């Protein structure tokens, strides 16, 4: 039974290390770019009041995406430590 547990933890560690972490990193980078792009558009278009709504939406959705992704990363780290006893 111990070998099954070791195999399961190895599979979980491999999935987290090889699939989940790079995916979260890529999505976080994309969310940061969206947030920064919204900020740049908001500042450049400060004289154009009609365009501010779309730029604010980019800022808001970028912040929400970053919060969700970083929270998800922290939750996975917590589960990693709780289940595997170590961080990958």
N, C-alpha and C. Protein backbone atom coordinates (compact mmCIF):
# COMPACT_ATOMS: atom_id res chain seq x y z
N UNK A 1 0.82 -1.19 0.00
CA UNK A 1 0.00 0.00 0.00
C UNK A 1 0.86 1.26 0.00
N UNK A 2 1.99 1.19 0.61
CA UNK A 2 2.88 2.34 0.66
C UNK A 2 3.37 2.73 -0.73
N UNK A 3 3.60 1.76 -1.61
CA UNK A 3 4.07 2.06 -2.96
C UNK A 3 3.00 2.77 -3.78
N UNK A 4 1.72 2.43 -3.55
CA UNK A 4 0.64 3.12 -4.25
C UNK A 4 0.58 4.58 -3.82
N UNK A 5 0.76 4.82 -2.54
CA UNK A 5 0.76 6.18 -2.03
C UNK A 5 1.92 6.97 -2.61
N UNK A 6 3.08 6.35 -2.69
CA UNK A 6 4.24 7.03 -3.26
C UNK A 6 4.02 7.31 -4.74
N UNK A 7 3.39 6.38 -5.44
CA UNK A 7 3.12 6.58 -6.85
C UNK A 7 2.11 7.70 -7.07
N UNK A 8 1.07 7.73 -6.25
CA UNK A 8 0.06 8.79 -6.36
C UNK A 8 0.67 10.15 -6.07
N UNK A 9 1.49 10.23 -5.04
CA UNK A 9 2.11 11.52 -4.74
C UNK A 9 3.09 11.92 -5.84
N UNK A 10 3.74 10.96 -6.46
CA UNK A 10 4.64 11.27 -7.58
C UNK A 10 3.85 11.80 -8.77
N UNK A 11 2.71 11.20 -9.05
CA UNK A 11 1.86 11.67 -10.16
C UNK A 11 1.33 13.06 -9.86
N UNK A 12 0.86 13.30 -8.64
CA UNK A 12 0.35 14.63 -8.27
C UNK A 12 1.46 15.67 -8.39
N UNK A 13 2.64 15.34 -7.88
CA UNK A 13 3.77 16.27 -7.97
C UNK A 13 4.14 16.56 -9.42
N UNK A 14 4.10 15.54 -10.27
CA UNK A 14 4.42 15.73 -11.68
C UNK A 14 3.39 16.61 -12.38
N UNK A 15 2.12 16.39 -12.07
CA UNK A 15 1.07 17.21 -12.68
C UNK A 15 1.21 18.66 -12.25
N UNK A 16 1.42 18.86 -10.96
CA UNK A 16 1.54 20.23 -10.45
C UNK A 16 2.79 20.90 -11.02
N UNK A 17 3.91 20.20 -10.99
CA UNK A 17 5.17 20.79 -11.44
C UNK A 17 5.27 20.99 -12.93
N UNK A 18 4.70 20.07 -13.71
CA UNK A 18 4.88 20.12 -15.16
C UNK A 18 3.73 20.73 -15.92
N UNK A 19 2.54 20.75 -15.32
CA UNK A 19 1.37 21.27 -16.03
C UNK A 19 0.83 22.53 -15.36
N UNK A 20 0.50 22.41 -14.10
CA UNK A 20 -0.21 23.49 -13.43
C UNK A 20 0.65 24.74 -13.24
N UNK A 21 1.85 24.58 -12.71
CA UNK A 21 2.69 25.75 -12.44
C UNK A 21 3.02 26.55 -13.71
N UNK A 22 3.43 25.91 -14.82
CA UNK A 22 3.67 26.69 -16.03
C UNK A 22 2.40 27.35 -16.58
N UNK A 23 1.26 26.67 -16.44
CA UNK A 23 -0.01 27.24 -16.91
C UNK A 23 -0.38 28.48 -16.10
N UNK A 24 -0.25 28.39 -14.79
CA UNK A 24 -0.56 29.55 -13.93
C UNK A 24 0.41 30.68 -14.22
N UNK A 25 1.67 30.37 -14.44
CA UNK A 25 2.66 31.41 -14.76
C UNK A 25 2.31 32.12 -16.07
N UNK A 26 1.94 31.35 -17.08
CA UNK A 26 1.58 31.94 -18.38
C UNK A 26 0.32 32.79 -18.26
N UNK A 27 -0.69 32.28 -17.55
CA UNK A 27 -1.93 33.05 -17.39
C UNK A 27 -1.72 34.29 -16.53
N UNK A 28 -0.85 34.20 -15.53
CA UNK A 28 -0.54 35.37 -14.70
C UNK A 28 0.17 36.44 -15.52
N UNK A 29 1.08 36.00 -16.38
CA UNK A 29 1.77 36.95 -17.25
C UNK A 29 0.78 37.64 -18.18
N UNK A 30 -0.15 36.87 -18.74
CA UNK A 30 -1.17 37.44 -19.61
C UNK A 30 -2.05 38.42 -18.84
N UNK A 31 -2.45 38.07 -17.63
CA UNK A 31 -3.28 38.96 -16.82
C UNK A 31 -2.53 40.25 -16.48
N UNK A 32 -1.23 40.14 -16.20
CA UNK A 32 -0.44 41.33 -15.90
C UNK A 32 -0.32 42.23 -17.13
N UNK A 33 -0.14 41.63 -18.28
CA UNK A 33 -0.06 42.42 -19.52
C UNK A 33 -1.39 43.12 -19.78
N UNK A 34 -2.50 42.43 -19.57
CA UNK A 34 -3.82 43.05 -19.76
C UNK A 34 -4.01 44.20 -18.79
N UNK A 35 -3.62 44.01 -17.54
CA UNK A 35 -3.74 45.07 -16.55
C UNK A 35 -2.89 46.28 -16.93
N UNK A 36 -1.64 46.03 -17.31
CA UNK A 36 -0.76 47.14 -17.69
C UNK A 36 -1.25 47.84 -18.95
N UNK A 37 -1.75 47.07 -19.91
CA UNK A 37 -2.27 47.66 -21.14
C UNK A 37 -3.48 48.55 -20.83
N UNK A 38 -4.35 48.09 -19.95
CA UNK A 38 -5.50 48.90 -19.54
C UNK A 38 -5.06 50.18 -18.85
N UNK A 39 -4.01 50.09 -18.02
CA UNK A 39 -3.49 51.28 -17.35
C UNK A 39 -2.89 52.28 -18.33
N UNK A 40 -2.15 51.78 -19.30
CA UNK A 40 -1.55 52.65 -20.30
C UNK A 40 -2.64 53.33 -21.13
N UNK A 41 -3.63 52.55 -21.55
CA UNK A 41 -4.74 53.14 -22.33
C UNK A 41 -5.52 54.14 -21.51
N UNK A 42 -5.70 53.86 -20.22
CA UNK A 42 -6.44 54.77 -19.35
C UNK A 42 -5.71 56.10 -19.21
N UNK A 43 -4.39 56.03 -19.03
CA UNK A 43 -3.61 57.27 -18.87
C UNK A 43 -3.53 58.03 -20.19
N UNK A 44 -3.26 57.33 -21.30
CA UNK A 44 -3.15 58.01 -22.58
C UNK A 44 -4.47 58.62 -23.02
N UNK A 45 -5.56 57.96 -22.72
CA UNK A 45 -6.85 58.47 -23.15
C UNK A 45 -7.57 59.27 -22.08
N UNK A 46 -6.81 59.91 -21.20
CA UNK A 46 -7.43 60.63 -20.10
C UNK A 46 -8.28 61.81 -20.57
N UNK A 47 -8.00 62.33 -21.74
CA UNK A 47 -8.80 63.44 -22.26
C UNK A 47 -10.08 62.95 -22.94
N UNK A 48 -10.11 61.67 -23.32
CA UNK A 48 -11.26 61.07 -23.99
C UNK A 48 -12.14 60.37 -22.96
N UNK A 49 -13.24 61.00 -22.57
CA UNK A 49 -14.09 60.46 -21.51
C UNK A 49 -14.89 59.24 -21.97
N UNK A 50 -15.15 59.10 -23.27
CA UNK A 50 -15.94 57.98 -23.76
C UNK A 50 -15.16 56.67 -23.66
N UNK A 51 -13.86 56.72 -23.85
CA UNK A 51 -13.05 55.52 -23.86
C UNK A 51 -12.65 55.02 -22.47
N UNK A 52 -12.93 55.82 -21.46
CA UNK A 52 -12.51 55.44 -20.11
C UNK A 52 -13.20 54.18 -19.60
N UNK A 53 -14.43 53.94 -20.00
CA UNK A 53 -15.17 52.77 -19.53
C UNK A 53 -14.49 51.47 -19.91
N UNK A 54 -14.08 51.36 -21.17
CA UNK A 54 -13.42 50.14 -21.64
C UNK A 54 -12.06 49.98 -20.98
N UNK A 55 -11.35 51.08 -20.78
CA UNK A 55 -10.04 51.01 -20.15
C UNK A 55 -10.16 50.62 -18.68
N UNK A 56 -11.17 51.13 -18.00
CA UNK A 56 -11.41 50.75 -16.60
C UNK A 56 -11.74 49.26 -16.53
N UNK A 57 -12.50 48.77 -17.50
CA UNK A 57 -12.85 47.34 -17.51
C UNK A 57 -11.59 46.48 -17.65
N UNK A 58 -10.66 46.90 -18.50
CA UNK A 58 -9.40 46.16 -18.64
C UNK A 58 -8.63 46.13 -17.32
N UNK A 59 -8.59 47.28 -16.64
CA UNK A 59 -7.91 47.35 -15.35
C UNK A 59 -8.58 46.43 -14.33
N UNK A 60 -9.89 46.50 -14.26
CA UNK A 60 -10.64 45.71 -13.28
C UNK A 60 -10.48 44.22 -13.56
N UNK A 61 -10.65 43.80 -14.81
CA UNK A 61 -10.54 42.38 -15.14
C UNK A 61 -9.11 41.88 -14.97
N UNK A 62 -8.13 42.73 -15.23
CA UNK A 62 -6.74 42.35 -15.00
C UNK A 62 -6.46 42.11 -13.52
N UNK A 63 -6.98 42.98 -12.66
CA UNK A 63 -6.80 42.82 -11.22
C UNK A 63 -7.52 41.56 -10.73
N UNK A 64 -8.73 41.35 -11.21
CA UNK A 64 -9.49 40.16 -10.80
C UNK A 64 -8.75 38.89 -11.23
N UNK A 65 -8.26 38.86 -12.45
CA UNK A 65 -7.55 37.69 -12.94
C UNK A 65 -6.28 37.44 -12.14
N UNK A 66 -5.53 38.49 -11.83
CA UNK A 66 -4.32 38.33 -11.03
C UNK A 66 -4.66 37.80 -9.63
N UNK A 67 -5.70 38.35 -9.02
CA UNK A 67 -6.10 37.90 -7.69
C UNK A 67 -6.49 36.42 -7.71
N UNK A 68 -7.29 36.03 -8.69
CA UNK A 68 -7.74 34.64 -8.77
C UNK A 68 -6.56 33.70 -9.01
N UNK A 69 -5.68 34.06 -9.92
CA UNK A 69 -4.54 33.19 -10.23
C UNK A 69 -3.57 33.07 -9.07
N UNK A 70 -3.27 34.18 -8.39
CA UNK A 70 -2.37 34.10 -7.25
C UNK A 70 -3.01 33.36 -6.09
N UNK A 71 -4.32 33.53 -5.90
CA UNK A 71 -5.01 32.77 -4.86
C UNK A 71 -5.01 31.29 -5.18
N UNK A 72 -5.24 30.96 -6.43
CA UNK A 72 -5.23 29.56 -6.85
C UNK A 72 -3.83 28.96 -6.67
N UNK A 73 -2.82 29.72 -7.00
CA UNK A 73 -1.45 29.25 -6.79
C UNK A 73 -1.16 29.00 -5.32
N UNK A 74 -1.62 29.89 -4.44
CA UNK A 74 -1.43 29.70 -3.01
C UNK A 74 -2.20 28.51 -2.49
N UNK A 75 -3.40 28.31 -2.99
CA UNK A 75 -4.20 27.16 -2.58
C UNK A 75 -3.55 25.85 -3.00
N UNK A 76 -3.02 25.81 -4.21
CA UNK A 76 -2.34 24.61 -4.67
C UNK A 76 -1.08 24.37 -3.85
N UNK A 77 -0.36 25.42 -3.51
CA UNK A 77 0.83 25.27 -2.67
C UNK A 77 0.44 24.69 -1.31
N UNK A 78 -0.65 25.17 -0.75
CA UNK A 78 -1.14 24.66 0.53
C UNK A 78 -1.49 23.17 0.43
N UNK A 79 -2.20 22.80 -0.63
CA UNK A 79 -2.58 21.40 -0.83
C UNK A 79 -1.34 20.54 -1.05
N UNK A 80 -0.38 21.06 -1.80
CA UNK A 80 0.89 20.35 -2.01
C UNK A 80 1.55 20.01 -0.69
N UNK A 81 1.66 20.98 0.17
CA UNK A 81 2.33 20.77 1.45
C UNK A 81 1.51 19.84 2.34
N UNK A 82 0.19 19.99 2.30
CA UNK A 82 -0.67 19.16 3.14
C UNK A 82 -0.69 17.70 2.67
N UNK A 83 -0.77 17.48 1.37
CA UNK A 83 -0.84 16.12 0.84
C UNK A 83 0.51 15.46 0.64
N UNK A 84 1.44 16.20 0.10
CA UNK A 84 2.73 15.62 -0.24
C UNK A 84 3.78 15.82 0.83
N UNK A 85 3.53 16.75 1.73
CA UNK A 85 4.49 17.01 2.79
C UNK A 85 5.65 17.89 2.36
N UNK A 86 5.64 18.34 1.13
CA UNK A 86 6.70 19.21 0.63
C UNK A 86 6.15 20.02 -0.52
N UNK A 87 6.82 21.09 -0.85
CA UNK A 87 6.44 21.89 -2.01
C UNK A 87 7.25 21.44 -3.21
N UNK A 88 6.60 21.40 -4.37
CA UNK A 88 7.26 20.95 -5.60
C UNK A 88 8.05 22.08 -6.18
